Amino acid sequence: MTKKRLTDDEFMEVYSELRAWKGRDAARSIKYQRLIRISNRKRKIRHAVILITGVAAVALILFKIPWPVFKTQKNPNSLYSQFYEPYRFATDYRDGSDNTMDMFKSAVIAYRTLNFVDAEILSDSLTGKDNANPDYLLLNGLIKQANGKFDIAITQYLKLIANGGSYAQHAQWYLALIYLKQGKLIECNEQLDSLRLQSGTFYRDKSDRLKKLIGLTQS
């Protein structure tokens, strides 16, 4: 059997049909790939919209819920600056010998005029002579606090608190402020609570206001 050979015209016709078929197939493939890309892009956009919408909805719900953690206390240093002020001695006079009276008066004046260096030297001399005198202890604690020597101030205040009396209230207030400055809010609250429960104390209203500001409250 002899194979029939294609003429040149027939070969070119078949070749043209093959090229046309391949062209149509390539066009269909490109169109299909383009549709896939469009579909993927739309799917990503839908997912992004759903994600953003979900996050926004959760944020809106959380914003409306009165979570205590969303309203924290003010900065302790800021509150300390707001509430701290030097103690005002009613008088420079205190019982004692002429020497100690003059020294106490000079120390008070130095403290009052913010000359804390001289005030500390004079006050240390007084407590060196009598470390049980409540006037000397209070003045020394106040001066140490003004100079940033909080540990010594705490020691002096605790002695006054242990002895009780009106000086104990002053000591508790300034001790609470030191604890606030140090970020010891539990210890600060303890002193404030004690002052709030005492009738007739000058620091009761201040203690109430400060306690509300340092505590976590719902918005």
Protein backbone atom coordinates (compact mmCIF):
# COMPACT_ATOMS: atom_id res chain seq x y z
CA MET A 1 0.00 0.00 0.00
CA THR A 2 1.33 3.40 -0.88
CA LYS A 3 0.86 6.37 1.44
CA LYS A 4 -0.87 9.36 -0.02
CA ARG A 5 1.30 12.37 0.26
CA LEU A 6 -0.22 15.78 0.88
CA THR A 7 0.26 18.38 -1.71
CA ASP A 8 1.82 21.65 -0.72
CA ASP A 9 -1.55 23.39 -0.73
CA GLU A 10 -3.11 20.69 1.42
CA PHE A 11 -0.17 20.80 3.82
CA MET A 12 -0.46 24.59 4.17
CA GLU A 13 -4.21 24.25 4.76
CA VAL A 14 -3.68 21.72 7.55
CA TYR A 15 -0.87 23.85 8.97
CA SER A 16 -3.12 26.92 8.98
CA GLU A 17 -5.87 25.02 10.77
CA LEU A 18 -3.40 23.82 13.42
CA ARG A 19 -2.12 27.35 13.99
CA ALA A 20 -5.68 28.66 14.24
CA TRP A 21 -6.54 25.91 16.75
CA LYS A 22 -3.48 26.64 18.84
CA GLY A 23 -4.27 30.34 18.73
CA ARG A 24 -7.81 29.76 19.93
CA ASP A 25 -6.55 27.44 22.65
CA ALA A 26 -3.99 29.98 23.81
CA ALA A 27 -6.64 32.73 23.86
CA ARG A 28 -8.96 30.51 25.89
CA SER A 29 -6.12 29.71 28.30
CA ILE A 30 -5.26 33.41 28.76
CA LYS A 31 -8.91 34.27 29.30
CA TYR A 32 -9.24 31.42 31.82
CA GLN A 33 -6.15 32.55 33.74
CA ARG A 34 -7.46 36.12 33.78
CA LEU A 35 -10.78 34.94 35.20
CA ILE A 36 -8.94 32.97 37.88
CA ARG A 37 -6.89 36.03 38.84
CA ILE A 38 -10.01 38.20 39.00
CA SER A 39 -11.77 35.60 41.12
CA ASN A 40 -8.81 35.33 43.52
CA ARG A 41 -8.58 39.10 43.83
CA LYS A 42 -12.29 39.38 44.60
CA ARG A 43 -12.01 36.60 47.18
CA LYS A 44 -9.09 38.39 48.92
CA ILE A 45 -11.03 41.64 48.95
CA ARG A 46 -14.06 39.90 50.48
CA HIS A 47 -11.88 38.32 53.16
CA ALA A 48 -10.23 41.66 53.94
CA VAL A 49 -13.60 43.41 54.21
CA ILE A 50 -14.92 40.67 56.51
CA LEU A 51 -11.79 40.86 58.67
CA ILE A 52 -11.87 44.67 58.95
CA THR A 53 -15.59 44.65 59.67
CA GLY A 54 -15.13 42.01 62.37
CA VAL A 55 -12.29 43.89 64.04
CA ALA A 56 -14.27 47.13 63.95
CA ALA A 57 -17.30 45.41 65.47
CA VAL A 58 -15.24 43.88 68.29
CA ALA A 59 -13.55 47.23 68.97
CA LEU A 60 -16.93 48.95 69.13
CA ILE A 61 -18.27 46.36 71.57
CA LEU A 62 -15.19 46.58 73.79
CA PHE A 63 -15.33 50.37 73.73
CA LYS A 64 -18.90 50.36 75.05
CA ILE A 65 -18.19 47.83 77.82
CA PRO A 66 -17.10 49.58 81.06
CA TRP A 67 -13.89 47.62 81.51
CA PRO A 68 -11.94 48.89 84.56
CA VAL A 69 -8.62 48.35 82.80
CA PHE A 70 -9.46 51.01 80.26
CA LYS A 71 -9.26 53.74 82.84
CA THR A 72 -6.11 53.41 84.86
CA GLN A 73 -4.84 55.62 87.62
CA LYS A 74 -2.92 58.77 86.84
CA ASN A 75 0.83 58.75 86.94
CA PRO A 76 1.97 58.53 90.61
CA ASN A 77 4.58 61.25 90.09
CA SER A 78 1.93 63.56 88.67
CA LEU A 79 -0.38 62.91 91.62
CA TYR A 80 2.46 63.44 94.06
CA SER A 81 3.20 66.84 92.54
CA GLN A 82 -0.49 67.69 92.65
CA PHE A 83 -1.03 66.83 96.32
CA TYR A 84 2.34 67.45 97.92
CA GLU A 85 2.95 70.78 99.62
CA PRO A 86 5.27 71.65 102.51
CA TYR A 87 3.78 71.40 105.96
CA ARG A 88 2.84 74.74 107.52
CA PHE A 89 3.98 75.03 111.08
CA ALA A 90 1.54 77.12 113.11
CA THR A 91 4.35 78.62 115.18
CA ASP A 92 8.12 78.53 115.37
CA TYR A 93 8.05 78.16 119.15
CA ARG A 94 8.56 74.82 120.82
CA ASP A 95 9.39 73.92 124.41
CA GLY A 96 13.04 73.34 125.20
CA SER A 97 16.19 75.06 126.20
CA ASP A 98 17.09 78.40 124.69
CA ASN A 99 19.60 76.67 122.43
CA THR A 100 17.16 74.08 121.07
CA MET A 101 14.35 76.63 120.74
CA ASP A 102 16.55 78.86 118.61
CA MET A 103 17.75 75.88 116.58
CA PHE A 104 14.20 74.63 116.01
CA LYS A 105 13.04 78.10 114.98
CA SER A 106 15.93 78.44 112.53
CA ALA A 107 15.24 74.98 111.11
CA VAL A 108 11.55 75.78 110.59
CA ILE A 109 12.38 79.07 108.89
CA ALA A 110 14.90 77.34 106.63
CA TYR A 111 12.30 74.67 105.76
CA ARG A 112 9.62 77.29 105.14
CA THR A 113 11.91 79.25 102.79
CA LEU A 114 12.89 76.04 100.96
CA ASN A 115 16.46 76.20 102.23
CA PHE A 116 16.48 72.46 102.78
CA VAL A 117 20.25 72.12 103.09
CA ASP A 118 20.50 74.31 106.20
CA ALA A 119 17.18 72.96 107.45
CA GLU A 120 18.51 69.40 107.35
CA ILE A 121 21.71 70.28 109.22
CA LEU A 122 19.77 72.02 112.00
CA SER A 123 17.11 69.31 112.15
CA ASP A 124 19.67 66.51 112.35
CA SER A 125 21.24 68.31 115.30
CA LEU A 126 17.87 68.47 117.04
CA THR A 127 17.06 64.77 116.55
CA GLY A 128 20.59 63.99 117.63
CA LYS A 129 19.84 65.69 120.93
CA ASP A 130 16.34 64.21 121.34
CA ASN A 131 15.14 61.50 118.96
CA ALA A 132 11.82 61.07 120.78
CA ASN A 133 10.57 64.66 120.54
CA PRO A 134 7.56 64.65 118.15
CA ASP A 135 8.29 68.18 116.94
CA TYR A 136 11.83 67.23 115.99
CA LEU A 137 10.74 63.95 114.41
CA LEU A 138 8.04 65.58 112.29
CA LEU A 139 10.32 68.39 111.14
CA ASN A 140 13.13 65.96 110.37
CA GLY A 141 10.80 63.67 108.40
CA LEU A 142 9.44 66.59 106.39
CA ILE A 143 12.92 67.88 105.57
CA LYS A 144 14.18 64.42 104.61
CA GLN A 145 11.16 64.02 102.35
CA ALA A 146 11.76 67.42 100.75
CA ASN A 147 15.36 66.35 100.08
CA GLY A 148 14.23 63.06 98.54
CA LYS A 149 15.60 60.94 101.39
CA PHE A 150 12.41 58.93 101.64
CA ASP A 151 13.69 55.96 103.65
CA ILE A 152 14.76 58.17 106.55
CA ALA A 153 11.52 60.15 106.32
CA ILE A 154 9.51 56.92 106.49
CA THR A 155 11.37 55.88 109.64
CA GLN A 156 10.58 59.19 111.35
CA TYR A 157 6.92 59.09 110.29
CA LEU A 158 6.44 55.52 111.51
CA LYS A 159 7.75 56.55 114.94
CA LEU A 160 5.18 59.34 115.10
CA ILE A 161 2.36 57.05 113.93
CA ALA A 162 3.26 54.50 116.59
CA ASN A 163 3.05 57.21 119.27
CA GLY A 164 -0.38 58.39 118.09
CA GLY A 165 -1.75 61.87 118.66
CA SER A 166 -2.23 64.75 116.24
CA TYR A 167 1.28 64.43 114.84
CA ALA A 168 0.44 60.91 113.73
CA GLN A 169 -2.12 62.29 111.27
CA HIS A 170 0.45 64.59 109.69
CA ALA A 171 2.89 61.70 109.51
CA GLN A 172 0.30 59.42 107.89
CA TRP A 173 -0.52 61.95 105.19
CA TYR A 174 3.08 62.59 104.23
CA LEU A 175 3.89 58.89 104.51
CA ALA A 176 1.04 58.16 102.08
CA LEU A 177 2.53 60.66 99.66
CA ILE A 178 5.93 58.99 99.85
CA TYR A 179 4.38 55.60 99.14
CA LEU A 180 2.56 57.19 96.21
CA LYS A 181 5.81 58.61 94.88
CA GLN A 182 7.41 55.17 95.16
CA GLY A 183 4.50 53.53 93.37
CA LYS A 184 3.49 51.55 96.47
CA LEU A 185 -0.23 52.11 95.98
CA ILE A 186 -1.39 49.43 98.41
CA GLU A 187 0.64 50.95 101.26
CA CYS A 188 -0.52 54.41 100.21
CA ASN A 189 -4.15 53.30 100.30
CA GLU A 190 -3.71 51.86 103.77
CA GLN A 191 -2.62 55.23 105.13
CA LEU A 192 -5.39 57.06 103.27
CA ASP A 193 -8.04 54.64 104.56
CA SER A 194 -6.83 55.21 108.11
CA LEU A 195 -7.07 58.98 107.68
CA ARG A 196 -10.54 58.75 106.13
CA LEU A 197 -11.84 56.84 109.15
CA GLN A 198 -10.57 59.44 111.61
CA SER A 199 -13.07 62.14 112.48
CA GLY A 200 -11.99 65.75 112.55
CA THR A 201 -8.78 65.21 110.63
CA PHE A 202 -7.62 67.94 108.26
CA TYR A 203 -6.62 65.28 105.72
CA ARG A 204 -9.95 63.48 105.39
CA ASP A 205 -11.17 65.24 102.22
CA LYS A 206 -7.71 65.14 100.67
CA SER A 207 -7.49 61.43 101.39
CA ASP A 208 -10.85 60.83 99.73
CA ARG A 209 -9.86 62.70 96.58
CA LEU A 210 -6.45 61.10 96.32
CA LYS A 211 -7.80 57.60 96.94
CA LYS A 212 -10.29 57.98 94.08
CA LEU A 213 -7.58 59.16 91.72
CA ILE A 214 -5.11 56.36 92.41
CA GLY A 215 -7.72 53.58 92.29
CA LEU A 216 -8.99 51.84 89.14
CA THR A 217 -12.52 53.05 88.41
CA GLN A 218 -14.96 52.10 85.71
CA SER A 219 -15.59 54.67 82.97
